[in-house]
C-alpha cells in the first residue's frame, strides 16, 4: 500500500481546461425549465467526451490563468461578468480556442441579464452569433444533428443566428430544422466554437474528436482505451508516472501494444501486452 505522499511531486500537461464559477451553477439548479442541475450535467458530458478522446483536462477556477492551455471549455457558463468575458476574449486573441455552449453569458455577477443580446458581456462578437431564444424539449424529443458532426441533440436547444460564424452542423428536424447547432468563428489568432444544443454523448464525443485532431492536441497516451477507462500522466525529475482509472462496474482488458509498464507500488510487477483492470480500480504505473 502507498499513500498520495509517496508519489513524487511533478506536473501533468493538460490540453484543455473547464473553468468552474463560484455562483453560476446555483442559478441553474431546478429553476424554470431545468428539472435538475443543468450546469453539472453539462460539465460531466464535456469532461467525459474530452477524456474519452484521451485529452487531459484540468478543472480550474474562473479566476485562473487560462494562457497555459490550448482549449477552454465553457459548459453552460450562465454567469459571465465583463472582466471574465474580456479574459476569455484575450485568450482567444492570443491563439487559444474556446468552446461555449447553450446558456452561456446570460447574466452578470449581480444576476442581471446582459443587454445587447446573448451571449452577453462581449461574447456575442467572440462567437460571431446571436442567440434569439432557448427551448426546453420533452424528454422523448430528439433533434437530428446534420453536417460535419452528425447525431442527435436532447433537452435544450437555442435558436441562434450566425453573425460571421461558420456553421459546422445544423438541425435536421423539429422546429429548428436548418438552424445552426454547432458554429466556429475565427477571432484574431484563435477561434470560438459554440454548441447551441445539448448534444448526445456520442455526438459530443465525435465533435471533440474532430476538434482535438484539428488543433493538433496530443492525447495523454496513444492507446485505444475502453469506454470508462481514463489515463493521466505526471512528469517529474525522477521519471514519468501513469495513472489508470476504471470508472465502470466491469473488468476491462487493455491492449498495451508495444508499451511496457511497471507497477509503482510493486516494481517487480511488469505489465506487457495486456492489462486487466477490475471494476472501479486504479493503478499507478511507472513508465
Protein backbone atom coordinates (compact mmCIF):
# COMPACT_ATOMS: atom_id res chain seq x y z
CA UNK A 1 0.00 0.00 0.00
CA UNK A 2 1.12 3.56 -0.54
CA UNK A 3 -0.33 6.98 0.05
CA UNK A 4 -0.51 10.01 -2.16
CA UNK A 5 2.53 11.41 -0.38
CA UNK A 6 4.64 8.52 -1.77
CA UNK A 7 4.11 9.76 -5.31
CA UNK A 8 6.91 12.19 -6.22
CA UNK A 9 5.80 15.73 -6.99
CA UNK A 10 5.51 16.51 -10.66
CA UNK A 11 3.36 18.14 -13.28
CA UNK A 12 1.00 16.95 -15.98
CA UNK A 13 0.33 18.53 -19.33
CA UNK A 14 -3.36 19.27 -19.85
CA UNK A 15 -4.51 20.44 -23.24
CA UNK A 16 -7.92 21.63 -22.06
CA UNK A 17 -9.46 23.42 -19.09
CA UNK A 18 -13.02 23.76 -17.75
CA UNK A 19 -13.50 26.90 -15.60
CA UNK A 20 -15.78 26.44 -12.59
CA UNK A 21 -17.63 29.60 -11.47
CA UNK A 22 -18.46 30.09 -7.79
CA UNK A 23 -22.11 31.15 -8.23
CA UNK A 24 -23.35 30.40 -11.75
CA UNK A 25 -24.24 26.70 -11.18
CA UNK A 26 -26.64 27.56 -8.34
CA UNK A 27 -28.68 29.70 -10.73
CA UNK A 28 -29.36 26.65 -12.93
CA UNK A 29 -30.44 24.16 -10.26
CA UNK A 30 -34.06 23.17 -10.76
CA UNK A 31 -35.17 26.62 -11.83
CA UNK A 32 -37.65 27.26 -14.65
CA UNK A 33 -37.24 24.61 -17.38
CA UNK A 34 -34.30 22.95 -15.64
CA UNK A 35 -35.51 19.86 -13.80
CA UNK A 36 -32.07 19.15 -12.33
CA UNK A 37 -28.60 20.64 -12.12
CA UNK A 38 -28.12 21.60 -15.76
CA UNK A 39 -24.63 23.00 -15.21
CA UNK A 40 -23.29 19.86 -13.55
CA UNK A 41 -24.81 17.57 -16.18
CA UNK A 42 -23.33 19.66 -18.98
CA UNK A 43 -19.90 19.74 -17.30
CA UNK A 44 -19.94 15.95 -16.84
CA UNK A 45 -20.88 15.48 -20.52
CA UNK A 46 -17.96 17.57 -21.74
CA UNK A 47 -15.45 16.10 -19.30
CA UNK A 48 -16.42 12.57 -20.31
CA UNK A 49 -16.28 13.40 -24.03
CA UNK A 50 -12.85 15.02 -23.70
CA UNK A 51 -11.28 12.33 -21.52
CA UNK A 52 -12.87 9.68 -23.74
CA UNK A 53 -10.75 11.13 -26.54
CA UNK A 54 -7.63 10.80 -24.43
CA UNK A 55 -7.21 14.51 -23.64
CA UNK A 56 -6.03 15.53 -20.18
CA UNK A 57 -8.39 18.16 -18.76
CA UNK A 58 -8.00 20.48 -15.76
CA UNK A 59 -10.91 21.80 -13.70
CA UNK A 60 -9.96 25.39 -12.92
CA UNK A 61 -11.42 28.49 -11.34
CA UNK A 62 -12.79 31.28 -13.49
CA UNK A 63 -10.08 33.37 -11.82
CA UNK A 64 -7.31 31.08 -13.09
CA UNK A 65 -4.74 31.93 -15.74
CA UNK A 66 -6.02 30.36 -18.99
CA UNK A 67 -2.87 31.05 -21.02
CA UNK A 68 -1.25 27.68 -20.29
CA UNK A 69 -3.99 25.86 -22.21
CA UNK A 70 -4.87 25.49 -25.86
CA UNK A 71 -8.57 24.74 -25.38
CA UNK A 72 -11.00 26.35 -22.94
CA UNK A 73 -14.45 24.82 -22.32
CA UNK A 74 -17.37 26.93 -21.08
CA UNK A 75 -20.19 24.47 -20.25
CA UNK A 76 -23.41 26.45 -19.64
CA UNK A 77 -21.38 29.34 -18.19
CA UNK A 78 -24.55 31.24 -17.30
CA UNK A 79 -22.90 33.95 -15.20
CA UNK A 80 -20.23 35.91 -17.05
CA UNK A 81 -19.12 39.31 -15.87
CA UNK A 82 -17.36 41.79 -18.12
CA UNK A 83 -13.96 41.06 -16.59
CA UNK A 84 -14.23 37.30 -17.23
CA UNK A 85 -15.54 37.89 -20.76
CA UNK A 86 -12.54 40.10 -21.53
CA UNK A 87 -10.11 37.45 -20.25
CA UNK A 88 -11.79 34.84 -22.46
CA UNK A 89 -11.58 37.18 -25.46
CA UNK A 90 -7.91 37.87 -24.70
CA UNK A 91 -7.22 34.11 -24.51
CA UNK A 92 -8.66 33.60 -28.00
CA UNK A 93 -6.99 36.71 -29.45
CA UNK A 94 -3.62 35.21 -28.49
CA UNK A 95 -4.35 31.98 -30.37
CA UNK A 96 -6.42 29.98 -27.89
CA UNK A 97 -9.59 28.10 -28.78
CA UNK A 98 -12.78 28.16 -26.75
CA UNK A 99 -15.92 26.00 -26.79
CA UNK A 100 -19.05 27.66 -25.43
CA UNK A 101 -22.47 26.08 -25.05
CA UNK A 102 -26.11 26.94 -24.65
CA UNK A 103 -26.87 29.07 -21.55
CA UNK A 104 -23.54 30.88 -21.74
CA UNK A 105 -23.31 34.58 -20.96
CA UNK A 106 -26.89 35.24 -19.85
CA UNK A 107 -26.31 37.27 -16.66
CA UNK A 108 -23.64 39.32 -14.89
CA UNK A 109 -22.29 38.99 -11.34
CA UNK A 110 -25.48 40.58 -9.96
CA UNK A 111 -27.75 38.14 -11.84
CA UNK A 112 -28.85 40.88 -14.23
CA UNK A 113 -29.42 39.92 -17.86
CA UNK A 114 -26.82 41.25 -20.24
CA UNK A 115 -28.15 43.89 -22.60
CA UNK A 116 -27.45 43.71 -26.32
CA UNK A 117 -28.31 40.07 -26.85
CA UNK A 118 -26.94 36.71 -25.76
CA UNK A 119 -24.25 35.56 -25.31
CA UNK A 120 -23.56 38.79 -23.47
CA UNK A 121 -20.74 40.60 -21.78
CA UNK A 122 -18.80 40.91 -25.03
CA UNK A 123 -19.07 37.24 -26.02
CA UNK A 124 -21.53 37.84 -28.87
CA UNK A 125 -18.72 39.22 -31.04
CA UNK A 126 -16.34 36.47 -29.93
CA UNK A 127 -18.70 33.66 -31.01
CA UNK A 128 -19.99 35.57 -34.02
CA UNK A 129 -23.66 34.83 -33.38
CA UNK A 130 -26.86 35.99 -31.74
CA UNK A 131 -28.89 33.68 -29.52
CA UNK A 132 -32.55 34.55 -30.09
CA UNK A 133 -34.24 32.07 -27.75
CA UNK A 134 -33.91 28.89 -25.71
CA UNK A 135 -36.25 25.91 -25.92
CA UNK A 136 -36.57 23.11 -23.36
CA UNK A 137 -37.72 19.90 -25.04
CA UNK A 138 -39.74 16.96 -23.75
CA UNK A 139 -37.67 14.01 -22.55
CA UNK A 140 -38.67 11.87 -25.54
CA UNK A 141 -37.87 14.55 -28.15
CA UNK A 142 -34.60 14.37 -30.09
CA UNK A 143 -33.30 16.76 -32.72
CA UNK A 144 -31.30 15.38 -35.63
CA UNK A 145 -27.83 16.93 -36.00
CA UNK A 146 -26.54 17.14 -39.58
CA UNK A 147 -23.29 18.39 -41.09
CA UNK A 148 -19.61 17.84 -40.34
CA UNK A 149 -20.80 16.45 -37.00
CA UNK A 150 -23.88 14.24 -37.03
CA UNK A 151 -26.01 12.61 -34.36
CA UNK A 152 -28.68 13.90 -32.03
CA UNK A 153 -29.42 16.71 -29.58
CA UNK A 154 -31.59 16.44 -26.46
CA UNK A 155 -33.15 18.50 -23.66
CA UNK A 156 -32.13 22.05 -24.62
CA UNK A 157 -31.82 23.86 -27.95
CA UNK A 158 -31.12 27.51 -28.62
CA UNK A 159 -32.24 29.20 -31.82
CA UNK A 160 -29.16 31.08 -32.94
CA UNK A 161 -28.30 33.28 -35.91
CA UNK A 162 -24.75 33.43 -37.31
CA UNK A 163 -23.17 36.87 -37.41
CA UNK A 164 -19.92 35.90 -39.07
CA UNK A 165 -19.55 32.41 -37.60
CA UNK A 166 -19.37 29.37 -39.91
CA UNK A 167 -21.93 26.61 -39.44
CA UNK A 168 -20.38 23.21 -38.73
CA UNK A 169 -23.68 21.41 -38.12
CA UNK A 170 -27.36 22.31 -38.20
CA UNK A 171 -30.66 20.89 -37.02
CA UNK A 172 -32.25 18.35 -39.36
CA UNK A 173 -35.62 18.04 -37.65
CA UNK A 174 -38.22 19.71 -35.45
CA UNK A 175 -38.90 23.45 -35.31
CA UNK A 176 -35.17 24.23 -35.50
CA UNK A 177 -34.60 22.47 -38.85
CA UNK A 178 -31.98 24.34 -40.85
CA UNK A 179 -30.79 26.45 -37.91
CA UNK A 180 -27.13 26.24 -36.80
CA UNK A 181 -26.37 23.99 -33.84
CA UNK A 182 -22.55 23.99 -33.95
CA UNK A 183 -20.59 27.03 -35.18
CA UNK A 184 -16.97 28.15 -35.45
CA UNK A 185 -15.84 31.76 -35.52
CA UNK A 186 -12.31 32.93 -36.33
CA UNK A 187 -11.29 35.61 -33.83
CA UNK A 188 -7.86 37.22 -34.27
CA UNK A 189 -5.33 34.40 -33.86
CA UNK A 190 -7.76 31.88 -32.34
CA UNK A 191 -11.28 30.59 -32.78
CA UNK A 192 -14.51 30.16 -30.81
CA UNK A 193 -16.87 27.20 -31.17
CA UNK A 194 -20.49 27.36 -29.99
CA UNK A 195 -22.78 24.41 -29.26
CA UNK A 196 -26.37 25.67 -29.30
CA UNK A 197 -27.86 22.39 -28.06
CA UNK A 198 -27.14 19.69 -25.55
CA UNK A 199 -25.59 17.06 -27.79
CA UNK A 200 -25.97 13.37 -27.03
CA UNK A 201 -22.74 11.99 -25.59
CA UNK A 202 -21.72 10.07 -28.77
CA UNK A 203 -22.30 13.22 -30.84
CA UNK A 204 -20.36 15.39 -28.37
CA UNK A 205 -17.52 12.85 -28.33
CA UNK A 206 -17.40 12.96 -32.13
CA UNK A 207 -17.27 16.77 -32.06
CA UNK A 208 -14.30 16.76 -29.69
CA UNK A 209 -12.55 14.03 -31.65
CA UNK A 210 -12.60 16.27 -34.72
CA UNK A 211 -11.70 19.40 -32.74
CA UNK A 212 -8.75 17.80 -30.93
CA UNK A 213 -7.44 16.48 -34.24
CA UNK A 214 -7.78 19.84 -35.99
CA UNK A 215 -5.97 21.65 -33.15
CA UNK A 216 -3.15 19.12 -33.06
CA UNK A 217 -3.67 18.38 -29.39
CA UNK A 218 -1.80 15.31 -28.17
CA UNK A 219 -3.73 12.60 -26.29
CA UNK A 220 -2.26 11.64 -22.92
CA UNK A 221 -1.46 8.20 -24.31
CA UNK A 222 -1.78 6.60 -27.72
CA UNK A 223 -3.90 3.63 -26.69
CA UNK A 224 -7.42 2.65 -27.66
CA UNK A 225 -8.87 2.68 -24.14
CA UNK A 226 -12.29 1.13 -23.44
CA UNK A 227 -15.12 3.49 -22.55
CA UNK A 228 -14.93 4.43 -18.88
CA UNK A 229 -11.15 3.96 -18.65
CA UNK A 230 -9.22 7.19 -18.07
CA UNK A 231 -5.46 7.69 -18.19
CA UNK A 232 -3.48 10.53 -16.61
CA UNK A 233 0.23 11.23 -16.67
CA UNK A 234 2.58 13.12 -14.38
CA UNK A 235 6.20 14.00 -15.16
CA UNK A 236 8.94 14.78 -12.68
CA UNK A 237 12.72 14.74 -12.40
CA UNK A 238 12.58 11.06 -11.39
CA UNK A 239 10.59 9.94 -14.43
CA UNK A 240 7.03 9.63 -15.70
CA UNK A 241 4.12 8.12 -13.79
CA UNK A 242 0.87 6.96 -15.38
CA UNK A 243 -2.47 6.69 -13.60
CA UNK A 244 -5.21 4.37 -14.90
CA UNK A 245 -8.77 4.63 -13.59
CA UNK A 246 -11.69 2.29 -14.26
CA UNK A 247 -14.92 4.22 -13.70
CA UNK A 248 -17.14 1.29 -14.68
CA UNK A 249 -18.56 -1.74 -12.88
CA UNK A 250 -16.90 -4.13 -15.33
CA UNK A 251 -13.38 -5.55 -15.63
CA UNK A 252 -11.64 -4.28 -18.76
CA UNK A 253 -8.74 -5.77 -20.69
CA UNK A 254 -6.44 -3.07 -22.04
CA UNK A 255 -4.26 -3.78 -25.05
CA UNK A 256 -0.88 -2.18 -24.29
CA UNK A 257 0.58 -2.68 -27.76
CA UNK A 258 4.33 -2.06 -27.53
CA UNK A 259 4.08 -0.15 -24.23
CA UNK A 260 5.68 -1.70 -21.13
CA UNK A 261 4.69 -0.55 -17.65
CA UNK A 262 5.98 -1.26 -14.16
CA UNK A 263 3.83 -1.16 -11.04
CA UNK A 264 4.73 1.84 -8.90
CA UNK A 265 3.94 0.12 -5.59
CA UNK A 266 5.49 -3.25 -6.57
CA UNK A 267 8.38 -2.69 -9.03
CA UNK A 268 8.74 -6.44 -9.61
CA UNK A 269 5.33 -6.48 -11.32
CA UNK A 270 5.60 -5.78 -15.04
CA UNK A 271 2.72 -5.16 -17.44
CA UNK A 272 3.12 -6.14 -21.10
CA UNK A 273 0.74 -6.95 -23.95
CA UNK A 274 -2.50 -6.69 -21.93
CA UNK A 275 -3.57 -5.40 -18.54
CA UNK A 276 -6.71 -6.39 -16.62
CA UNK A 277 -8.30 -3.53 -14.68
CA UNK A 278 -11.05 -4.62 -12.20
CA UNK A 279 -14.25 -2.58 -11.60
CA UNK A 280 -13.63 0.85 -10.05
CA UNK A 281 -9.93 0.05 -9.70
CA UNK A 282 -6.97 2.34 -10.25
CA UNK A 283 -3.31 1.68 -10.93
CA UNK A 284 -0.24 3.85 -10.56
CA UNK A 285 2.41 2.86 -13.09
CA UNK A 286 5.98 3.83 -13.79
CA UNK A 287 6.73 4.35 -17.46
